[in-house]
Amino acid sequence: LVTADLARSVIAAVQSKRPDLQVGDLRMVRLDEGPAAQVMHIGPYTTEGPTIERLHAFIHDHGLEFDGIRHKHHEIYLNDPRRTRPDRLRTIIRQPYWPRRATVGRHPLATDAASLG
């Protein structure tokens, strides 16, 4: 768990070691998104469109929905684009959702996550 104290101490450590980096603009945001579908995109950020479309189709195909306003997708960048070739960039794309219709039994995405393929 990342706390505000931990974030402040990391920022201070980075500022002391690398004063050239602009870490003053960093901010900590708590996401309380509830359930979310996610997919790993490998490649340049400019080619994420089809991956996001597949993620959205997956959500709709499983009787779920999102509005893009209260439930905005967000991305987790796993590489430094200054040090990683664009074709090797890895990005986790997460899309919060909610049920469109009642589901019975297990969560509708519990066993189908691999089917994004």
PDB file of N, CA and C in Angstrom:
ATOM      1  N   LEU A   1       0.850  -1.176   0.000  1.00  0.00           N
ATOM      2  CA  LEU A   1       0.000   0.000   0.000  1.00  0.00           C
ATOM      3  C   LEU A   1       0.897   1.242   0.000  1.00  0.00           C
ATOM      4  N   VAL A   2       0.638   2.133  -0.900  1.00  0.00           N
ATOM      5  CA  VAL A   2       1.400   3.379  -0.980  1.00  0.00           C
ATOM      6  C   VAL A   2       0.647   4.432  -0.171  1.00  0.00           C
ATOM      7  N   THR A   3       1.294   4.943   0.845  1.00  0.00           N
ATOM      8  CA  THR A   3       0.701   5.988   1.673  1.00  0.00           C
ATOM      9  C   THR A   3       1.243   7.342   1.259  1.00  0.00           C
ATOM     10  N   ALA A   4       0.603   8.398   1.737  1.00  0.00           N
ATOM     11  CA  ALA A   4       1.073   9.756   1.444  1.00  0.00           C
ATOM     12  C   ALA A   4       2.479   9.965   2.012  1.00  0.00           C
ATOM     13  N   ASP A   5       2.742   9.423   3.205  1.00  0.00           N
ATOM     14  CA  ASP A   5       4.080   9.550   3.803  1.00  0.00           C
ATOM     15  C   ASP A   5       5.133   8.856   2.947  1.00  0.00           C
ATOM     16  N   LEU A   6       4.819   7.662   2.473  1.00  0.00           N
ATOM     17  CA  LEU A   6       5.758   6.938   1.622  1.00  0.00           C
ATOM     18  C   LEU A   6       6.016   7.721   0.336  1.00  0.00           C
ATOM     19  N   ALA A   7       4.959   8.242  -0.279  1.00  0.00           N
ATOM     20  CA  ALA A   7       5.115   9.019  -1.514  1.00  0.00           C
ATOM     21  C   ALA A   7       6.004  10.237  -1.277  1.00  0.00           C
ATOM     22  N   ARG A   8       5.779  10.945  -0.173  1.00  0.00           N
ATOM     23  CA  ARG A   8       6.614  12.123   0.128  1.00  0.00           C
ATOM     24  C   ARG A   8       8.075  11.733   0.319  1.00  0.00           C
ATOM     25  N   SER A   9       8.322  10.630   1.001  1.00  0.00           N
ATOM     26  CA  SER A   9       9.721  10.230   1.234  1.00  0.00           C
ATOM     27  C   SER A   9      10.399   9.798  -0.063  1.00  0.00           C
ATOM     28  N   VAL A  10       9.671   9.137  -0.946  1.00  0.00           N
ATOM     29  CA  VAL A  10      10.250   8.739  -2.237  1.00  0.00           C
ATOM     30  C   VAL A  10      10.538   9.976  -3.082  1.00  0.00           C
ATOM     31  N   ILE A  11       9.615  10.920  -3.099  1.00  0.00           N
ATOM     32  CA  ILE A  11       9.832  12.154  -3.861  1.00  0.00           C
ATOM     33  C   ILE A  11      11.051  12.898  -3.334  1.00  0.00           C
ATOM     34  N   ALA A  12      11.177  12.991  -2.018  1.00  0.00           N
ATOM     35  CA  ALA A  12      12.332  13.671  -1.425  1.00  0.00           C
ATOM     36  C   ALA A  12      13.634  12.963  -1.791  1.00  0.00           C
ATOM     37  N   ALA A  13      13.633  11.637  -1.753  1.00  0.00           N
ATOM     38  CA  ALA A  13      14.840  10.878  -2.096  1.00  0.00           C
ATOM     39  C   ALA A  13      15.221  11.093  -3.555  1.00  0.00           C
ATOM     40  N   VAL A  14      14.226  11.081  -4.441  1.00  0.00           N
ATOM     41  CA  VAL A  14      14.508  11.287  -5.864  1.00  0.00           C
ATOM     42  C   VAL A  14      15.015  12.705  -6.096  1.00  0.00           C
ATOM     43  N   GLN A  15      14.405  13.686  -5.448  1.00  0.00           N
ATOM     44  CA  GLN A  15      14.854  15.074  -5.615  1.00  0.00           C
ATOM     45  C   GLN A  15      16.298  15.265  -5.162  1.00  0.00           C
ATOM     46  N   SER A  16      16.691  14.577  -4.087  1.00  0.00           N
ATOM     47  CA  SER A  16      18.059  14.739  -3.611  1.00  0.00           C
ATOM     48  C   SER A  16      19.072  14.061  -4.530  1.00  0.00           C
ATOM     49  N   LYS A  17      18.679  12.945  -5.158  1.00  0.00           N
ATOM     50  CA  LYS A  17      19.598  12.224  -6.039  1.00  0.00           C
ATOM     51  C   LYS A  17      19.583  12.750  -7.466  1.00  0.00           C
ATOM     52  N   ARG A  18      18.419  13.213  -7.908  1.00  0.00           N
ATOM     53  CA  ARG A  18      18.265  13.666  -9.294  1.00  0.00           C
ATOM     54  C   ARG A  18      17.529  15.002  -9.344  1.00  0.00           C
ATOM     55  N   PRO A  19      18.198  16.082  -8.971  1.00  0.00           N
ATOM     56  CA  PRO A  19      17.523  17.387  -8.959  1.00  0.00           C
ATOM     57  C   PRO A  19      17.067  17.844 -10.340  1.00  0.00           C
ATOM     58  N   ASP A  20      17.576  17.204 -11.395  1.00  0.00           N
ATOM     59  CA  ASP A  20      17.181  17.561 -12.755  1.00  0.00           C
ATOM     60  C   ASP A  20      15.798  17.038 -13.125  1.00  0.00           C
ATOM     61  N   LEU A  21      15.280  16.064 -12.382  1.00  0.00           N
ATOM     62  CA  LEU A  21      13.954  15.506 -12.674  1.00  0.00           C
ATOM     63  C   LEU A  21      12.853  16.389 -12.097  1.00  0.00           C
ATOM     64  N   GLN A  22      11.778  16.529 -12.815  1.00  0.00           N
ATOM     65  CA  GLN A  22      10.648  17.356 -12.391  1.00  0.00           C
ATOM     66  C   GLN A  22       9.666  16.527 -11.558  1.00  0.00           C
ATOM     67  N   VAL A  23      10.024  16.195 -10.346  1.00  0.00           N
ATOM     68  CA  VAL A  23       9.147  15.379  -9.505  1.00  0.00           C
ATOM     69  C   VAL A  23       8.189  16.223  -8.675  1.00  0.00           C
ATOM     70  N   GLY A  24       8.343  17.527  -8.706  1.00  0.00           N
ATOM     71  CA  GLY A  24       7.449  18.402  -7.955  1.00  0.00           C
ATOM     72  C   GLY A  24       6.016  18.354  -8.445  1.00  0.00           C
ATOM     73  N   ASP A  25       5.815  17.927  -9.689  1.00  0.00           N
ATOM     74  CA  ASP A  25       4.468  17.852 -10.249  1.00  0.00           C
ATOM     75  C   ASP A  25       3.774  16.527  -9.953  1.00  0.00           C
ATOM     76  N   LEU A  26       4.480  15.608  -9.311  1.00  0.00           N
ATOM     77  CA  LEU A  26       3.871  14.319  -9.005  1.00  0.00           C
ATOM     78  C   LEU A  26       2.745  14.501  -8.001  1.00  0.00           C
ATOM     79  N   ARG A  27       1.738  13.680  -8.148  1.00  0.00           N
ATOM     80  CA  ARG A  27       0.634  13.712  -7.206  1.00  0.00           C
ATOM     81  C   ARG A  27       0.151  12.299  -6.959  1.00  0.00           C
ATOM     82  N   MET A  28      -0.402  12.099  -5.798  1.00  0.00           N
ATOM     83  CA  MET A  28      -0.925  10.788  -5.454  1.00  0.00           C
ATOM     84  C   MET A  28      -2.445  10.845  -5.594  1.00  0.00           C
ATOM     85  N   VAL A  29      -2.980   9.883  -6.310  1.00  0.00           N
ATOM     86  CA  VAL A  29      -4.418   9.827  -6.535  1.00  0.00           C
ATOM     87  C   VAL A  29      -4.911   8.470  -6.081  1.00  0.00           C
ATOM     88  N   ARG A  30      -5.958   8.461  -5.292  1.00  0.00           N
ATOM     89  CA  ARG A  30      -6.560   7.207  -4.853  1.00  0.00           C
ATOM     90  C   ARG A  30      -7.679   6.866  -5.823  1.00  0.00           C
ATOM     91  N   LEU A  31      -7.612   5.677  -6.376  1.00  0.00           N
ATOM     92  CA  LEU A  31      -8.646   5.208  -7.286  1.00  0.00           C
ATOM     93  C   LEU A  31      -9.534   4.224  -6.542  1.00  0.00           C
ATOM     94  N   ASP A  32     -10.792   4.540  -6.458  1.00  0.00           N
ATOM     95  CA  ASP A  32     -11.765   3.647  -5.853  1.00  0.00           C
ATOM     96  C   ASP A  32     -12.697   3.234  -6.980  1.00  0.00           C
ATOM     97  N   GLU A  33     -12.188   2.352  -7.820  1.00  0.00           N
ATOM     98  CA  GLU A  33     -12.892   2.068  -9.067  1.00  0.00           C
ATOM     99  C   GLU A  33     -13.849   0.894  -8.997  1.00  0.00           C
ATOM    100  N   GLY A  34     -13.759   0.083  -7.973  1.00  0.00           N
ATOM    101  CA  GLY A  34     -14.589  -1.115  -7.928  1.00  0.00           C
ATOM    102  C   GLY A  34     -14.058  -2.133  -8.911  1.00  0.00           C
ATOM    103  N   PRO A  35     -14.920  -3.018  -9.414  1.00  0.00           N
ATOM    104  CA  PRO A  35     -14.438  -4.036 -10.343  1.00  0.00           C
ATOM    105  C   PRO A  35     -13.977  -3.410 -11.661  1.00  0.00           C
ATOM    106  N   ALA A  36     -12.964  -4.019 -12.256  1.00  0.00           N
ATOM    107  CA  ALA A  36     -12.428  -3.515 -13.512  1.00  0.00           C
ATOM    108  C   ALA A  36     -11.898  -4.678 -14.333  1.00  0.00           C
ATOM    109  N   ALA A  37     -12.018  -4.562 -15.640  1.00  0.00           N
ATOM    110  CA  ALA A  37     -11.378  -5.502 -16.557  1.00  0.00           C
ATOM    111  C   ALA A  37     -10.061  -4.862 -16.963  1.00  0.00           C
ATOM    112  N   GLN A  38      -9.078  -5.693 -17.238  1.00  0.00           N
ATOM    113  CA  GLN A  38      -7.790  -5.139 -17.647  1.00  0.00           C
ATOM    114  C   GLN A  38      -7.153  -6.015 -18.701  1.00  0.00           C
ATOM    115  N   VAL A  39      -6.267  -5.398 -19.457  1.00  0.00           N
ATOM    116  CA  VAL A  39      -5.534  -6.104 -20.494  1.00  0.00           C
ATOM    117  C   VAL A  39      -4.138  -5.502 -20.578  1.00  0.00           C
ATOM    118  N   MET A  40      -3.183  -6.334 -20.958  1.00  0.00           N
ATOM    119  CA  MET A  40      -1.817  -5.862 -21.168  1.00  0.00           C
ATOM    120  C   MET A  40      -1.656  -5.508 -22.642  1.00  0.00           C
ATOM    121  N   HIS A  41      -1.253  -4.274 -22.897  1.00  0.00           N
ATOM    122  CA  HIS A  41      -0.937  -3.851 -24.261  1.00  0.00           C
ATOM    123  C   HIS A  41       0.574  -3.834 -24.393  1.00  0.00           C
ATOM    124  N   ILE A  42       1.072  -4.470 -25.445  1.00  0.00           N
ATOM    125  CA  ILE A  42       2.509  -4.454 -25.715  1.00  0.00           C
ATOM    126  C   ILE A  42       2.715  -3.735 -27.036  1.00  0.00           C
ATOM    127  N   GLY A  43       3.471  -2.651 -26.987  1.00  0.00           N
ATOM    128  CA  GLY A  43       3.736  -1.873 -28.183  1.00  0.00           C
ATOM    129  C   GLY A  43       3.625  -0.390 -27.894  1.00  0.00           C
ATOM    130  N   PRO A  44       3.746   0.424 -28.949  1.00  0.00           N
ATOM    131  CA  PRO A  44       3.703   1.878 -28.773  1.00  0.00           C
ATOM    132  C   PRO A  44       2.349   2.339 -28.233  1.00  0.00           C
ATOM    133  N   TYR A  45       2.367   3.446 -27.518  1.00  0.00           N
ATOM    134  CA  TYR A  45       1.121   4.003 -26.996  1.00  0.00           C
ATOM    135  C   TYR A  45       0.163   4.350 -28.131  1.00  0.00           C
ATOM    136  N   THR A  46       0.700   4.725 -29.274  1.00  0.00           N
ATOM    137  CA  THR A  46      -0.135   5.128 -30.408  1.00  0.00           C
ATOM    138  C   THR A  46      -0.929   3.976 -30.999  1.00  0.00           C
ATOM    139  N   THR A  47      -0.606   2.729 -30.620  1.00  0.00           N
ATOM    140  CA  THR A  47      -1.329   1.577 -31.171  1.00  0.00           C
ATOM    141  C   THR A  47      -2.271   0.946 -30.146  1.00  0.00           C
ATOM    142  N   GLU A  48      -2.594   1.673 -29.068  1.00  0.00           N
ATOM    143  CA  GLU A  48      -3.471   1.128 -28.035  1.00  0.00           C
ATOM    144  C   GLU A  48      -4.933   1.027 -28.467  1.00  0.00           C
ATOM    145  N   GLY A  49      -5.341   1.794 -29.453  1.00  0.00           N
ATOM    146  CA  GLY A  49      -6.748   1.860 -29.857  1.00  0.00           C
ATOM    147  C   GLY A  49      -7.421   0.500 -30.014  1.00  0.00           C
ATOM    148  N   PRO A  50      -6.895  -0.404 -30.849  1.00  0.00           N
ATOM    149  CA  PRO A  50      -7.534  -1.709 -31.017  1.00  0.00           C
ATOM    150  C   PRO A  50      -7.571  -2.535 -29.728  1.00  0.00           C
ATOM    151  N   THR A  51      -6.548  -2.398 -28.884  1.00  0.00           N
ATOM    152  CA  THR A  51      -6.534  -3.119 -27.613  1.00  0.00           C
ATOM    153  C   THR A  51      -7.663  -2.616 -26.720  1.00  0.00           C
ATOM    154  N   ILE A  52      -7.850  -1.309 -26.662  1.00  0.00           N
ATOM    155  CA  ILE A  52      -8.935  -0.734 -25.867  1.00  0.00           C
ATOM    156  C   ILE A  52     -10.282  -1.157 -26.433  1.00  0.00           C
ATOM    157  N   GLU A  53     -10.421  -1.184 -27.749  1.00  0.00           N
ATOM    158  CA  GLU A  53     -11.676  -1.632 -28.370  1.00  0.00           C
ATOM    159  C   GLU A  53     -11.986  -3.081 -27.993  1.00  0.00           C
ATOM    160  N   ARG A  54     -10.957  -3.955 -27.989  1.00  0.00           N
ATOM    161  CA  ARG A  54     -11.167  -5.356 -27.589  1.00  0.00           C
ATOM    162  C   ARG A  54     -11.579  -5.449 -26.125  1.00  0.00           C
ATOM    163  N   LEU A  55     -10.972  -4.628 -25.281  1.00  0.00           N
ATOM    164  CA  LEU A  55     -11.326  -4.608 -23.867  1.00  0.00           C
ATOM    165  C   LEU A  55     -12.779  -4.177 -23.685  1.00  0.00           C
ATOM    166  N   HIS A  56     -13.196  -3.137 -24.376  1.00  0.00           N
ATOM    167  CA  HIS A  56     -14.575  -2.677 -24.294  1.00  0.00           C
ATOM    168  C   HIS A  56     -15.548  -3.729 -24.812  1.00  0.00           C
ATOM    169  N   ALA A  57     -15.205  -4.386 -25.916  1.00  0.00           N
ATOM    170  CA  ALA A  57     -16.065  -5.449 -26.453  1.00  0.00           C
ATOM    171  C   ALA A  57     -16.179  -6.592 -25.452  1.00  0.00           C
ATOM    172  N   PHE A  58     -15.085  -6.954 -24.818  1.00  0.00           N
ATOM    173  CA  PHE A  58     -15.079  -8.014 -23.809  1.00  0.00           C
ATOM    174  C   PHE A  58     -16.044  -7.674 -22.680  1.00  0.00           C
ATOM    175  N   ILE A  59     -16.003  -6.442 -22.219  1.00  0.00           N
ATOM    176  CA  ILE A  59     -16.886  -6.005 -21.137  1.00  0.00           C
ATOM    177  C   ILE A  59     -18.341  -6.128 -21.571  1.00  0.00           C
ATOM    178  N   HIS A  60     -18.668  -5.587 -22.734  1.00  0.00           N
ATOM    179  CA  HIS A  60     -20.053  -5.643 -23.224  1.00  0.00           C
ATOM    180  C   HIS A  60     -20.504  -7.075 -23.479  1.00  0.00           C
ATOM    181  N   ASP A  61     -19.623  -7.908 -24.016  1.00  0.00           N
ATOM    182  CA  ASP A  61     -19.968  -9.306 -24.296  1.00  0.00           C
ATOM    183  C   ASP A  61     -20.298 -10.089 -23.029  1.00  0.00           C
ATOM    184  N   HIS A  62     -19.847  -9.604 -21.883  1.00  0.00           N
ATOM    185  CA  HIS A  62     -20.097 -10.286 -20.614  1.00  0.00           C
ATOM    186  C   HIS A  62     -21.209  -9.616 -19.805  1.00  0.00           C
ATOM    187  N   GLY A  63     -22.049  -8.846 -20.492  1.00  0.00           N
ATOM    188  CA  GLY A  63     -23.203  -8.250 -19.841  1.00  0.00           C
ATOM    189  C   GLY A  63     -22.861  -7.130 -18.878  1.00  0.00           C
ATOM    190  N   LEU A  64     -21.761  -6.444 -19.123  1.00  0.00           N
ATOM    191  CA  LEU A  64     -21.313  -5.365 -18.254  1.00  0.00           C
ATOM    192  C   LEU A  64     -21.274  -4.076 -19.056  1.00  0.00           C
ATOM    193  N   GLU A  65     -21.164  -2.956 -18.354  1.00  0.00           N
ATOM    194  CA  GLU A  65     -21.106  -1.684 -19.075  1.00  0.00           C
ATOM    195  C   GLU A  65     -20.283  -0.666 -18.298  1.00  0.00           C
ATOM    196  N   PHE A  66     -19.979   0.421 -18.976  1.00  0.00           N
ATOM    197  CA  PHE A  66     -19.264   1.554 -18.388  1.00  0.00           C
ATOM    198  C   PHE A  66     -19.729   2.772 -19.149  1.00  0.00           C
ATOM    199  N   ASP A  67     -19.604   3.939 -18.547  1.00  0.00           N
ATOM    200  CA  ASP A  67     -20.085   5.138 -19.223  1.00  0.00           C
ATOM    201  C   ASP A  67     -18.972   6.061 -19.705  1.00  0.00           C
ATOM    202  N   GLY A  68     -17.730   5.799 -19.344  1.00  0.00           N
ATOM    203  CA  GLY A  68     -16.624   6.636 -19.790  1.00  0.00           C
ATOM    204  C   GLY A  68     -16.529   7.965 -19.061  1.00  0.00           C
ATOM    205  N   ILE A  69     -17.477   8.233 -18.183  1.00  0.00           N
ATOM    206  CA  ILE A  69     -17.450   9.473 -17.402  1.00  0.00           C
ATOM    207  C   ILE A  69     -17.121   9.138 -15.953  1.00  0.00           C
ATOM    208  N   ARG A  70     -18.001   8.383 -15.318  1.00  0.00           N
ATOM    209  CA  ARG A  70     -17.713   7.939 -13.946  1.00  0.00           C
ATOM    210  C   ARG A  70     -16.702   6.802 -13.950  1.00  0.00           C
ATOM    211  N   HIS A  71     -16.678   6.044 -15.009  1.00  0.00           N
ATOM    212  CA  HIS A  71     -15.807   4.876 -15.114  1.00  0.00           C
ATOM    213  C   HIS A  71     -14.848   5.074 -16.280  1.00  0.00           C
ATOM    214  N   LYS A  72     -13.826   5.898 -16.060  1.00  0.00           N
ATOM    215  CA  LYS A  72     -12.830   6.161 -17.103  1.00  0.00           C
ATOM    216  C   LYS A  72     -11.745   5.097 -17.046  1.00  0.00           C
ATOM    217  N   HIS A  73     -11.236   4.742 -18.211  1.00  0.00           N
ATOM    218  CA  HIS A  73     -10.130   3.788 -18.206  1.00  0.00           C
ATOM    219  C   HIS A  73      -8.874   4.518 -17.748  1.00  0.00           C
ATOM    220  N   HIS A  74      -7.953   3.781 -17.217  1.00  0.00           N
ATOM    221  CA  HIS A  74      -6.661   4.344 -16.881  1.00  0.00           C
ATOM    222  C   HIS A  74      -5.579   3.342 -17.244  1.00  0.00           C
ATOM    223  N   GLU A  75      -4.370   3.838 -17.278  1.00  0.00           N
ATOM    224  CA  GLU A  75      -3.254   3.040 -17.768  1.00  0.00           C
ATOM    225  C   GLU A  75      -2.135   3.008 -16.747  1.00  0.00           C
ATOM    226  N   ILE A  76      -1.491   1.863 -16.655  1.00  0.00           N
ATOM    227  CA  ILE A  76      -0.346   1.684 -15.775  1.00  0.00           C
ATOM    228  C   ILE A  76       0.846   1.374 -16.678  1.00  0.00           C
ATOM    229  N   TYR A  77       1.815   2.262 -16.696  1.00  0.00           N
ATOM    230  CA  TYR A  77       2.967   2.120 -17.575  1.00  0.00           C
ATOM    231  C   TYR A  77       4.057   1.335 -16.851  1.00  0.00           C
ATOM    232  N   LEU A  78       4.484   0.248 -17.435  1.00  0.00           N
ATOM    233  CA  LEU A  78       5.453  -0.634 -16.792  1.00  0.00           C
ATOM    234  C   LEU A  78       6.888  -0.388 -17.248  1.00  0.00           C
ATOM    235  N   ASN A  79       7.087   0.490 -18.216  1.00  0.00           N
ATOM    236  CA  ASN A  79       8.435   0.771 -18.725  1.00  0.00           C
ATOM    237  C   ASN A  79       8.664   2.273 -18.764  1.00  0.00           C
ATOM    238  N   ASP A  80       9.902   2.639 -18.867  1.00  0.00           N
ATOM    239  CA  ASP A  80      10.286   4.026 -19.088  1.00  0.00           C
ATOM    240  C   ASP A  80      10.429   4.209 -20.598  1.00  0.00           C
ATOM    241  N   PRO A  81       9.567   5.012 -21.236  1.00  0.00           N
ATOM    242  CA  PRO A  81       9.632   5.157 -22.693  1.00  0.00           C
ATOM    243  C   PRO A  81      10.933   5.773 -23.186  1.00  0.00           C
ATOM    244  N   ARG A  82      11.701   6.389 -22.291  1.00  0.00           N
ATOM    245  CA  ARG A  82      13.000   6.949 -22.693  1.00  0.00           C
ATOM    246  C   ARG A  82      14.052   5.862 -22.816  1.00  0.00           C
ATOM    247  N   ARG A  83      13.792   4.696 -22.201  1.00  0.00           N
ATOM    248  CA  ARG A  83      14.782   3.618 -22.187  1.00  0.00           C
ATOM    249  C   ARG A  83      14.301   2.337 -22.859  1.00  0.00           C
ATOM    250  N   THR A  84      13.068   2.316 -23.310  1.00  0.00           N
ATOM    251  CA  THR A  84      12.482   1.102 -23.870  1.00  0.00           C
ATOM    252  C   THR A  84      12.074   1.350 -25.311  1.00  0.00           C
ATOM    253  N   ARG A  85      12.402   0.419 -26.184  1.00  0.00           N
ATOM    254  CA  ARG A  85      11.968   0.541 -27.579  1.00  0.00           C
ATOM    255  C   ARG A  85      10.443   0.569 -27.621  1.00  0.00           C
ATOM    256  N   PRO A  86       9.842   1.361 -28.500  1.00  0.00           N
ATOM    257  CA  PRO A  86       8.380   1.456 -28.554  1.00  0.00           C
ATOM    258  C   PRO A  86       7.677   0.107 -28.712  1.00  0.00           C
ATOM    259  N   ASP A  87       8.256  -0.815 -29.476  1.00  0.00           N
ATOM    260  CA  ASP A  87       7.598  -2.108 -29.682  1.00  0.00           C
ATOM    261  C   ASP A  87       7.655  -3.000 -28.439  1.00  0.00           C
ATOM    262  N   ARG A  88       8.407  -2.592 -27.424  1.00  0.00           N
ATOM    263  CA  ARG A  88       8.521  -3.375 -26.184  1.00  0.00           C
ATOM    264  C   ARG A  88       7.846  -2.720 -24.985  1.00  0.00           C
ATOM    265  N   LEU A  89       7.211  -1.581 -25.201  1.00  0.00           N
ATOM    266  CA  LEU A  89       6.512  -0.929 -24.100  1.00  0.00           C
ATOM    267  C   LEU A  89       5.356  -1.808 -23.627  1.00  0.00           C
ATOM    268  N   ARG A  90       5.188  -1.888 -22.326  1.00  0.00           N
ATOM    269  CA  ARG A  90       4.086  -2.668 -21.750  1.00  0.00           C
ATOM    270  C   ARG A  90       3.207  -1.730 -20.935  1.00  0.00           C
ATOM    271  N   THR A  91       1.909  -1.783 -21.214  1.00  0.00           N
ATOM    272  CA  THR A  91       0.939  -0.918 -20.555  1.00  0.00           C
ATOM    273  C   THR A  91      -0.247  -1.765 -20.111  1.00  0.00           C
ATOM    274  N   ILE A  92      -0.598  -1.670 -18.837  1.00  0.00           N
ATOM    275  CA  ILE A  92      -1.832  -2.308 -18.368  1.00  0.00           C
ATOM    276  C   ILE A  92      -2.942  -1.285 -18.539  1.00  0.00           C
ATOM    277  N   ILE A  93      -3.982  -1.671 -19.255  1.00  0.00           N
ATOM    278  CA  ILE A  93      -5.131  -0.797 -19.479  1.00  0.00           C
ATOM    279  C   ILE A  93      -6.280  -1.357 -18.647  1.00  0.00           C
ATOM    280  N   ARG A  94      -6.808  -0.550 -17.733  1.00  0.00           N
ATOM    281  CA  ARG A  94      -7.887  -0.974 -16.826  1.00  0.00           C
ATOM    282  C   ARG A  94      -9.145  -0.178 -17.132  1.00  0.00           C
ATOM    283  N   GLN A  95     -10.271  -0.886 -17.226  1.00  0.00           N
ATOM    284  CA  GLN A  95     -11.556  -0.239 -17.472  1.00  0.00           C
ATOM    285  C   GLN A  95     -12.544  -0.666 -16.392  1.00  0.00           C
ATOM    286  N   PRO A  96     -12.888   0.230 -15.463  1.00  0.00           N
ATOM    287  CA  PRO A  96     -13.922  -0.094 -14.486  1.00  0.00           C
ATOM    288  C   PRO A  96     -15.262  -0.311 -15.191  1.00  0.00           C
ATOM    289  N   TYR A  97     -16.126  -1.087 -14.576  1.00  0.00           N
ATOM    290  CA  TYR A  97     -17.433  -1.398 -15.154  1.00  0.00           C
ATOM    291  C   TYR A  97     -18.426  -1.672 -14.037  1.00  0.00           C
ATOM    292  N   TRP A  98     -19.680  -1.882 -14.406  1.00  0.00           N
ATOM    293  CA  TRP A  98     -20.700  -2.358 -13.475  1.00  0.00           C
ATOM    294  C   TRP A  98     -21.632  -3.283 -14.226  1.00  0.00           C
ATOM    295  N   PRO A  99     -22.367  -4.135 -13.517  1.00  0.00           N
ATOM    296  CA  PRO A  99     -23.254  -5.092 -14.197  1.00  0.00           C
ATOM    297  C   PRO A  99     -24.381  -4.382 -14.936  1.00  0.00           C
ATOM    298  N   ARG A 100     -24.673  -4.847 -16.141  1.00  0.00           N
ATOM    299  CA  ARG A 100     -25.791  -4.331 -16.916  1.00  0.00           C
ATOM    300  C   ARG A 100     -27.057  -5.083 -16.532  1.00  0.00           C
ATOM    301  N   ARG A 101     -26.883  -6.347 -16.228  1.00  0.00           N
ATOM    302  CA  ARG A 101     -28.015  -7.163 -15.813  1.00  0.00           C
ATOM    303  C   ARG A 101     -27.552  -8.042 -14.663  1.00  0.00           C
ATOM    304  N   ALA A 102     -28.506  -8.571 -13.931  1.00  0.00           N
ATOM    305  CA  ALA A 102     -28.161  -9.397 -12.776  1.00  0.00           C
ATOM    306  C   ALA A 102     -27.391 -10.630 -13.223  1.00  0.00           C
ATOM    307  N   THR A 103     -26.364 -10.959 -12.484  1.00  0.00           N
ATOM    308  CA  THR A 103     -25.611 -12.170 -12.752  1.00  0.00           C
ATOM    309  C   THR A 103     -25.777 -13.105 -11.574  1.00  0.00           C
ATOM    310  N   VAL A 104     -25.802 -14.389 -11.865  1.00  0.00           N
ATOM    311  CA  VAL A 104     -26.019 -15.392 -10.837  1.00  0.00           C
ATOM    312  C   VAL A 104     -24.742 -16.183 -10.660  1.00  0.00           C
ATOM    313  N   GLY A 105     -24.417 -16.509  -9.431  1.00  0.00           N
ATOM    314  CA  GLY A 105     -23.243 -17.338  -9.181  1.00  0.00           C
ATOM    315  C   GLY A 105     -21.968 -16.530  -9.195  1.00  0.00           C
ATOM    316  N   ARG A 106     -20.952 -17.103  -9.826  1.00  0.00           N
ATOM    317  CA  ARG A 106     -19.635 -16.468  -9.846  1.00  0.00           C
ATOM    318  C   ARG A 106     -19.646 -15.171 -10.629  1.00  0.00           C
ATOM    319  N   HIS A 107     -18.671 -14.355 -10.344  1.00  0.00           N
ATOM    320  CA  HIS A 107     -18.492 -13.113 -11.069  1.00  0.00           C
ATOM    321  C   HIS A 107     -18.313 -13.438 -12.552  1.00  0.00           C
ATOM    322  N   PRO A 108     -18.947 -12.694 -13.458  1.00  0.00           N
ATOM    323  CA  PRO A 108     -18.897 -13.051 -14.882  1.00  0.00           C
ATOM    324  C   PRO A 108     -17.512 -13.047 -15.503  1.00  0.00           C
ATOM    325  N   LEU A 109     -16.557 -12.339 -14.941  1.00  0.00           N
ATOM    326  CA  LEU A 109     -15.217 -12.292 -15.509  1.00  0.00           C
ATOM    327  C   LEU A 109     -14.243 -13.227 -14.800  1.00  0.00           C
ATOM    328  N   ALA A 110     -14.698 -13.926 -13.780  1.00  0.00           N
ATOM    329  CA  ALA A 110     -13.782 -14.717 -12.954  1.00  0.00           C
ATOM    330  C   ALA A 110     -13.049 -15.792 -13.739  1.00  0.00           C
ATOM    331  N   THR A 111     -13.675 -16.423 -14.715  1.00  0.00           N
ATOM    332  CA  THR A 111     -13.021 -17.508 -15.438  1.00  0.00           C
ATOM    333  C   THR A 111     -12.695 -17.167 -16.878  1.00  0.00           C
ATOM    334  N   ASP A 112     -13.109 -15.993 -17.337  1.00  0.00           N
ATOM    335  CA  ASP A 112     -12.968 -15.670 -18.751  1.00  0.00           C
ATOM    336  C   ASP A 112     -11.858 -14.681 -19.068  1.00  0.00           C
ATOM    337  N   ALA A 113     -11.059 -14.303 -18.110  1.00  0.00           N
ATOM    338  CA  ALA A 113     -10.067 -13.253 -18.335  1.00  0.00           C
ATOM    339  C   ALA A 113      -9.098 -13.596 -19.447  1.00  0.00           C
ATOM    340  N   ALA A 114      -8.772 -14.860 -19.651  1.00  0.00           N
ATOM    341  CA  ALA A 114      -7.805 -15.255 -20.684  1.00  0.00           C
ATOM    342  C   ALA A 114      -8.390 -15.145 -22.082  1.00  0.00           C
ATOM    343  N   SER A 115      -9.691 -14.981 -22.210  1.00  0.00           N
ATOM    344  CA  SER A 115     -10.290 -14.997 -23.539  1.00  0.00           C
ATOM    345  C   SER A 115     -10.093 -13.697 -24.309  1.00  0.00           C
ATOM    346  N   LEU A 116      -9.450 -12.697 -23.717  1.00  0.00           N
ATOM    347  CA  LEU A 116      -9.159 -11.474 -24.458  1.00  0.00           C
ATOM    348  C   LEU A 116      -8.169 -11.711 -25.581  1.00  0.00           C
ATOM    349  N   GLY A 117      -7.269 -12.653 -25.360  1.00  0.00           N
ATOM    350  CA  GLY A 117      -6.240 -13.079 -26.263  1.00  0.00           C
ATOM    351  C   GLY A 117      -5.933 -12.343 -27.414  1.00  0.00           C
TER     352      GLY A 117
END
